[in-house]
Amino acid sequence: MKTRGTNSTAANRGNREIHVSLRSLRFLLLNSGRDGDASFDFLARDTQTPYLDTRPLLDPAKPEIREYKAMYVLGDEEIGIFSHELVVNCAP
């Protein structure tokens, strides 16, 4: 599974675009963790790429590290294992 993030700038207030090649599968399950999170939490189940993470920064004045991982979904069945983690720095 290929993933790539885009650079965060003040213009997008820390929002992240996650680009993933979906090929012929129907859905993508995204999990994410942020600064200080002990584990990854469900973020979205999406059918289109890119996915835009619109969660606000935990502290609007500080940058934060976000980590993402994805898994393909076909019907209601998760296919394979989670991807490698994609680590991004989100700036205010």
C-alpha atoms as a PDB file:
ATOM      1  CA  MET A   1       0.000   0.000   0.000  1.00  0.00           C
ATOM      2  CA  LYS A   2       1.514   3.310  -0.980  1.00  0.00           C
ATOM      3  CA  THR A   3       0.804   6.320   1.220  1.00  0.00           C
ATOM      4  CA  ARG A   4       2.084   9.836   1.201  1.00  0.00           C
ATOM      5  CA  GLY A   5       1.280  12.912   3.220  1.00  0.00           C
ATOM      6  CA  THR A   6       1.517  16.503   2.124  1.00  0.00           C
ATOM      7  CA  ASN A   7       3.287  19.260   3.981  1.00  0.00           C
ATOM      8  CA  SER A   8       1.237  21.149   6.540  1.00  0.00           C
ATOM      9  CA  THR A   9       1.181  24.928   6.275  1.00  0.00           C
ATOM     10  CA  ALA A  10      -0.495  27.819   8.061  1.00  0.00           C
ATOM     11  CA  ALA A  11      -2.894  28.036   5.105  1.00  0.00           C
ATOM     12  CA  ASN A  12      -4.529  24.713   5.987  1.00  0.00           C
ATOM     13  CA  ARG A  13      -4.417  25.164   9.801  1.00  0.00           C
ATOM     14  CA  GLY A  14      -2.758  21.804  10.369  1.00  0.00           C
ATOM     15  CA  ASN A  15      -5.173  19.765   8.209  1.00  0.00           C
ATOM     16  CA  ARG A  16      -3.579  16.756   6.534  1.00  0.00           C
ATOM     17  CA  GLU A  17      -4.221  15.210   3.142  1.00  0.00           C
ATOM     18  CA  ILE A  18      -3.544  11.472   3.052  1.00  0.00           C
ATOM     19  CA  HIS A  19      -3.105  10.038  -0.465  1.00  0.00           C
ATOM     20  CA  VAL A  20      -3.486   6.281  -0.869  1.00  0.00           C
ATOM     21  CA  SER A  21      -3.753   4.020  -3.909  1.00  0.00           C
ATOM     22  CA  LEU A  22      -7.096   2.196  -3.512  1.00  0.00           C
ATOM     23  CA  ARG A  23      -6.741   0.025  -6.633  1.00  0.00           C
ATOM     24  CA  SER A  24      -9.889  -2.104  -6.959  1.00  0.00           C
ATOM     25  CA  LEU A  25     -10.856  -2.205  -3.283  1.00  0.00           C
ATOM     26  CA  ARG A  26     -13.915  -0.385  -2.000  1.00  0.00           C
ATOM     27  CA  PHE A  27     -12.894   1.184   1.292  1.00  0.00           C
ATOM     28  CA  LEU A  28      -9.877   2.254   3.271  1.00  0.00           C
ATOM     29  CA  LEU A  29      -9.807   2.046   7.063  1.00  0.00           C
ATOM     30  CA  LEU A  30      -7.658   4.794   8.592  1.00  0.00           C
ATOM     31  CA  ASN A  31      -6.371   4.835  12.161  1.00  0.00           C
ATOM     32  CA  SER A  32      -4.473   7.714  13.683  1.00  0.00           C
ATOM     33  CA  GLY A  33      -2.540   8.670  16.794  1.00  0.00           C
ATOM     34  CA  ARG A  34      -1.489  12.111  17.980  1.00  0.00           C
ATOM     35  CA  ASP A  35       1.069  13.498  20.458  1.00  0.00           C
ATOM     36  CA  GLY A  36       0.710  11.642  23.730  1.00  0.00           C
ATOM     37  CA  ASP A  37      -1.807   9.042  22.503  1.00  0.00           C
ATOM     38  CA  ALA A  38      -1.082   5.572  23.855  1.00  0.00           C
ATOM     39  CA  SER A  39      -2.657   3.847  20.845  1.00  0.00           C
ATOM     40  CA  PHE A  40      -4.101   4.378  17.413  1.00  0.00           C
ATOM     41  CA  ASP A  41      -7.810   5.222  17.230  1.00  0.00           C
ATOM     42  CA  PHE A  42     -10.290   4.773  14.396  1.00  0.00           C
ATOM     43  CA  LEU A  43     -10.220   7.877  12.214  1.00  0.00           C
ATOM     44  CA  ALA A  44     -12.290   7.105   9.129  1.00  0.00           C
ATOM     45  CA  ARG A  45     -13.519   4.554   6.650  1.00  0.00           C
ATOM     46  CA  ASP A  46     -13.266   6.278   3.312  1.00  0.00           C
ATOM     47  CA  THR A  47     -13.970   5.468  -0.324  1.00  0.00           C
ATOM     48  CA  GLN A  48     -11.952   8.230  -1.995  1.00  0.00           C
ATOM     49  CA  THR A  49      -8.452   9.520  -1.846  1.00  0.00           C
ATOM     50  CA  PRO A  50      -7.066  11.900  -0.695  1.00  0.00           C
ATOM     51  CA  TYR A  51      -8.526  11.794   2.799  1.00  0.00           C
ATOM     52  CA  LEU A  52      -8.479  15.173   4.560  1.00  0.00           C
ATOM     53  CA  ASP A  53      -7.907  14.990   8.317  1.00  0.00           C
ATOM     54  CA  THR A  54      -9.813  18.044   9.551  1.00  0.00           C
ATOM     55  CA  ARG A  55      -9.327  17.500  13.279  1.00  0.00           C
ATOM     56  CA  PRO A  56      -8.112  20.680  14.967  1.00  0.00           C
ATOM     57  CA  LEU A  57      -4.696  20.752  16.565  1.00  0.00           C
ATOM     58  CA  LEU A  58      -4.711  19.764  20.251  1.00  0.00           C
ATOM     59  CA  ASP A  59      -3.114  23.149  21.009  1.00  0.00           C
ATOM     60  CA  PRO A  60      -3.830  25.687  18.218  1.00  0.00           C
ATOM     61  CA  ALA A  61      -0.565  27.506  18.924  1.00  0.00           C
ATOM     62  CA  LYS A  62       1.737  24.458  18.767  1.00  0.00           C
ATOM     63  CA  PRO A  63       2.675  21.975  16.048  1.00  0.00           C
ATOM     64  CA  GLU A  64       1.896  18.308  16.713  1.00  0.00           C
ATOM     65  CA  ILE A  65       3.023  14.960  15.399  1.00  0.00           C
ATOM     66  CA  ARG A  66       0.305  12.750  13.886  1.00  0.00           C
ATOM     67  CA  GLU A  67       0.731   9.140  12.870  1.00  0.00           C
ATOM     68  CA  TYR A  68      -1.483   7.298  10.409  1.00  0.00           C
ATOM     69  CA  LYS A  69      -1.842   3.728   9.266  1.00  0.00           C
ATOM     70  CA  ALA A  70      -4.305   2.221   6.810  1.00  0.00           C
ATOM     71  CA  MET A  71      -5.866  -1.097   5.874  1.00  0.00           C
ATOM     72  CA  TYR A  72      -7.879  -2.071   2.821  1.00  0.00           C
ATOM     73  CA  VAL A  73     -11.496  -3.127   3.325  1.00  0.00           C
ATOM     74  CA  LEU A  74     -13.551  -5.174   0.851  1.00  0.00           C
ATOM     75  CA  GLY A  75     -17.225  -5.322   1.773  1.00  0.00           C
ATOM     76  CA  ASP A  76     -17.071  -5.442   5.564  1.00  0.00           C
ATOM     77  CA  GLU A  77     -13.876  -7.508   5.712  1.00  0.00           C
ATOM     78  CA  GLU A  78     -10.481  -6.037   6.518  1.00  0.00           C
ATOM     79  CA  ILE A  79      -7.892  -7.252   3.991  1.00  0.00           C
ATOM     80  CA  GLY A  80      -4.295  -7.915   5.052  1.00  0.00           C
ATOM     81  CA  ILE A  81      -2.494  -6.040   7.795  1.00  0.00           C
ATOM     82  CA  PHE A  82      -2.118  -2.353   8.597  1.00  0.00           C
ATOM     83  CA  SER A  83       0.353  -0.376   6.516  1.00  0.00           C
ATOM     84  CA  HIS A  84       3.563   1.062   7.884  1.00  0.00           C
ATOM     85  CA  GLU A  85       2.999   4.199   9.926  1.00  0.00           C
ATOM     86  CA  LEU A  86       3.035   7.548   8.156  1.00  0.00           C
ATOM     87  CA  VAL A  87       4.352  10.220  10.530  1.00  0.00           C
ATOM     88  CA  VAL A  88       3.574  13.868   9.801  1.00  0.00           C
ATOM     89  CA  ASN A  89       4.262  17.155  11.554  1.00  0.00           C
ATOM     90  CA  CYS A  90       1.163  19.391  11.566  1.00  0.00           C
ATOM     91  CA  ALA A  91       1.961  23.078  11.996  1.00  0.00           C
ATOM     92  CA  PRO A  92      -0.468  25.836  13.022  1.00  0.00           C
END
